[in-house]
Structures are given as C-alpha cells and as structure tokens.
Amino acid sequence: MRSLPATLPILFVCEISFLLGHGLIMTLLGVRMSLEGFPSQMAGLLMSSFSLGFVLGSYFLEKRIRSVGHIRVFAACAAMLAVTAMLHGLWVNPWAWLVWRVAGGASTAGLLMVMESWVSGESTNDNRGKVLGWYLVISTLSLAGGQWMLNLADPATMVLFSVSGMLFALSLVPLSIHRIHGPTHSSHDTAHKIRFKELYKRAPVGLVGAFTAGLMVQAFFAMTPYFGQEIGLSTGQTAQFMATTTLVALFAQWFLGRVSDRLDRRKVILCMAGVMAFTGAFISAAAEYSYLILLVVACFHTAMLHTLYSLSLAHTNDWLEPSEIIAANSKLMIWYGVGSIIGPFSASLVMQVVGPEGLWLFLGSAALALAMFVMVRLHGTQTDKAPEVEQEPYAPMPMMETPHYHSELDTRYDPQQLEFDFEFYEYEAEDEHAERHEGEAAAEAPAGDAGDDETAGTGEEAETGSAAPAGESASDTAHEDEEGDEAIQQRGESRPEPAPAEPSAPRAG
C-alpha cells in the first residue's frame, strides 16, 4: 500500500471495521428473526426496509456531503449505525426493528458514498486500477469476515449486537486520530442526461439485468440466514454458508469478466441466468441430502448472482458515449434499488406459501424470467440481432448487497466527482434562464439606424429611441436626434435601463 495516496490506507482501515460490523449484523438479523419466531413475511419486510432506507439516504445525504464534508458525514453515519445496532438487541420488537433498519440503511448509504467518492477523488489514471483492486479485495474479505463472526457468541443474546456496534464505532478512530484532508477534487467534463426510454432502447438487457440483480441479491442476503435456521443448520454452518458464498464472488468476477470481454455480454448473461435457474430448482433437493452438496450448489448459484450487476453495468456502458456513463449508471442504480426493495418481501411471501425452499424457487424463477427476456432480445427483432458494439474491457466491482457508487471507481473512465453530477441540472436551468433573458432583451431592442454610428454604438440611445411617443412630430424627432450627448445622457438617467443578462454559472468541470 506504500504506493497509494497517503489518505487511502487510513480509509481502508475504516472500511474494514465498518464492513466487518455490516457483514455481522446482516447475517445476525436473519438468524435472530428465526430464533424469535418472526413470520417470514415480517422478516422480508424488515430487510426490504433496509433497502428503502438505503435509497432515501442516497438521495438526502448527497447534499450533506457537499455542505459539511466527507469526514463529518462519515462520523455521523458511523455513530448512527453503532446506536441502531445495539438498539436491535435492547428492544426485540419487529416494528421497532423496522425503524432501526430504515435508519441503518440510510447510514450505510452515507458511509458507502463517502468511502467510494473519497477513493475516486484520491485516485489518478495511473493508479486507479491498483486502488480498485485493493478496494475490491478488502470489501469482499471484510464482508465475509463479518459473517464468520457469527460464531463468536450465541445469536440469541445481546453480545453480537454489541460487537457489531463496537465495530461501527471503531471505524471512526482512524479518521479521528490522523490529521487528513478530504478527497482531492479535479475538473471533468459535464455529464450528459439520458432518458430511461432512450437507455432502454439502447441496452434493454442491461437495464432489466440491473433490476433483476437487485431483486435477487438483496433477497439472498436478507433471507438466506433465515432459510438456514428454518432447515435446521447450526449457527456455525449458517455463518460458513454465508461467508463461503460471498468469497466465491471475488473469483467469479475475474473469470466471468474475462469471458465477457471475448463474447457478446448478452450471451454471457443468458448463460449465467440459465445456471441460476437450474441451481435454484436443484438446491432445495440438495439440502435434503447433505450440507456439503448444498454448499457446492449454492456457490455455483451465487457466483453468477453476485456478478450479474457488474456485467449488466458493463453491457450498458458498451452502448453509451463516455459523457453519458454517469447519468446512465445512476439510472441503473435506481432500478437496482427498486429491485432490492421488492426482492426480500416478495421472497418471504413465497417462503410463507411454499416453505423455506421458496427462497430458491423465487431466485430461480427470477433468473428464468431474465433468461427468457435475453433470449427474446437476442433472437427477436432484426435490430436485436445486430452485432454488438465494440466492448470496453470489463472492470470488476466491489460486491455488496446494495447499490452504491462503484461507477466512481471504474478504471475505464476518468472519474466524475459526486457533486458535479448532482449540480448539473441546476446549472442547466440557470443557463436556460440566462439565454431566455438575453433573447427577450434582444427582442425588445429596436433595429436602429444602421448608418448612424452614434445611435448603434450605445444601448441607451436605442432605448431612448424606442420610447418616443407615437404622436410626436417628425420635427421633434429630428430635433431630438440632433441633441448633444449630455442631453441624451440626462434624459437616459430618468428612464429605466434594460436589465443586463445574468452571466451563466460555469458548468461543473
């Protein structure tokens, strides 16, 4: 790490502590809900509320980062996570947990926005690939390590909630004891807007793939610990199951990414969806034979699952101009977020009707629907059969159960600072207002006498000429034109001057 910017190792230590706590509490909640006898639909609703809080936090905390800075927002969100983690253990009530999960989701969104925009701001074109590599490895290992920590104590007690809260609190220490600055800002081109309709027209597989990824990934993280307890897995086996299936994603991204660089990414997504549909149907039967078979089959399923969003993002970017990347990625994350809100609760309803194996029935059905959609796009119309555009190299992304700003870390493009994208619409509105004001002022000004240099040279004379009464005689008008500069200036002071057009605000970057 010696070759990295000085602030990044400190930030990575904060990230390790935060993701250890995050991985622990996400797995602990699923196990504890089963132990407390919460119905599956309530468990799904609780986990969907986390995604709802995440989306709300992504929207409202963006302005706070710009106004008070990265370090203060990080401290506030980490403190809130520590409090909510311990409140889960102090007050075991599903409706109270609903509030804590919304607050926890919003705080998690704030921490991830701070970390990823900070990493992006401190990276350059020369070291961004190395920074992304470290970030990817640290994120995945820390998340899996937190899931392994479920073995430290009995999940039916307060202990693990306290451990999670302490880990969130400890993430504040490195930033507090070091004198460091926030991320370095740099200038970039302004991002261009792109409508949902246009994005769907260009890359429908990418948009639908992102929605399906949100639907499945969040349902997996939210309901798999509950599933493990319902089928009789021990606490240690549940922790091992979650950690192993998470670590598989670290290797699957590199392999599937290389394959997708050589083939049409839609065909790769089709194969991945087919594997997930098959394993989803087979995994329930595998659970009845042995835990080892269950784990192996689940690893095949999650290897595809955790890579789906990254490949959908890469496929979408293949069809976009560089200036459209940021706006398009934000729309993909919106669809991912919508899917992550719907997924856990929908899976819980299927589990309520079918039983614990309903989780894998839900995941397999979602994958099958995606496979059918991709097949239609590949073999439907003549337009869909057109050859794929030249593909950009695949960039593996940190694996998390919720969408966040990993487009900031994409090694294929220069980064766009977080605030620039948010202020774009404000700047555009100001520019349109200034242009409209200039057009109105130009329409009100008279054409003037082209041969009279003096009249054409001053806006005040044009204003005075246009204000002459309609009944004024020709001689009076001629006499007025012959008046000296002093008289014209004196009369001009008594008349309202045209309001000058406001200078347009500079665009971000």
Foldseek 3Di string as FASTA:
>chain_A
DVPAPPCLVLLLVLLLLQLLLVLQLLLLLLQQCLVVPPALLLLLQLLLLLLVLQVVLLPPCLVVCVPPHLLVLLLVLLLLLLVLLLVCQVDVDSVVSSVSSSSNSSSVNSNQQSSLLQLLLRDDLVCLQVSQVVVQVSNLLSSLNSLQCLPVDDSNHSVSSNSSSVSSNVSSVSVVVDDDDTGHDDFDDFADADDPVRLCVQQVLLLLLLLLLLQQLLQCSSNQSNLCVQLPHDSNLSSVLVSVLSVLLSVLQVVLLVVVLVDPLLVSLLVLLVLLLVLLVCLVVQVVPDSVSNSVSSSSNSNSSQNRNLSSLQLSVQRDDQSHSVNSVVSSQVSSSVSNSPRSSVQSVQCSVPNSSSSSVVRSVSSVVSSVVSVCLCPPDPVSVDDRHNGDRRDDFRGDSHDHPRVSSDSVHRGDRSVLNVCQVVLVVQVVVLVVLVVVVVVLFDPDDPVDPVCVVDSLSSVVVVPDDPPDDPVVVVVVVPDDPVVSVVVSVVDDDRDHRDDRDDRGD
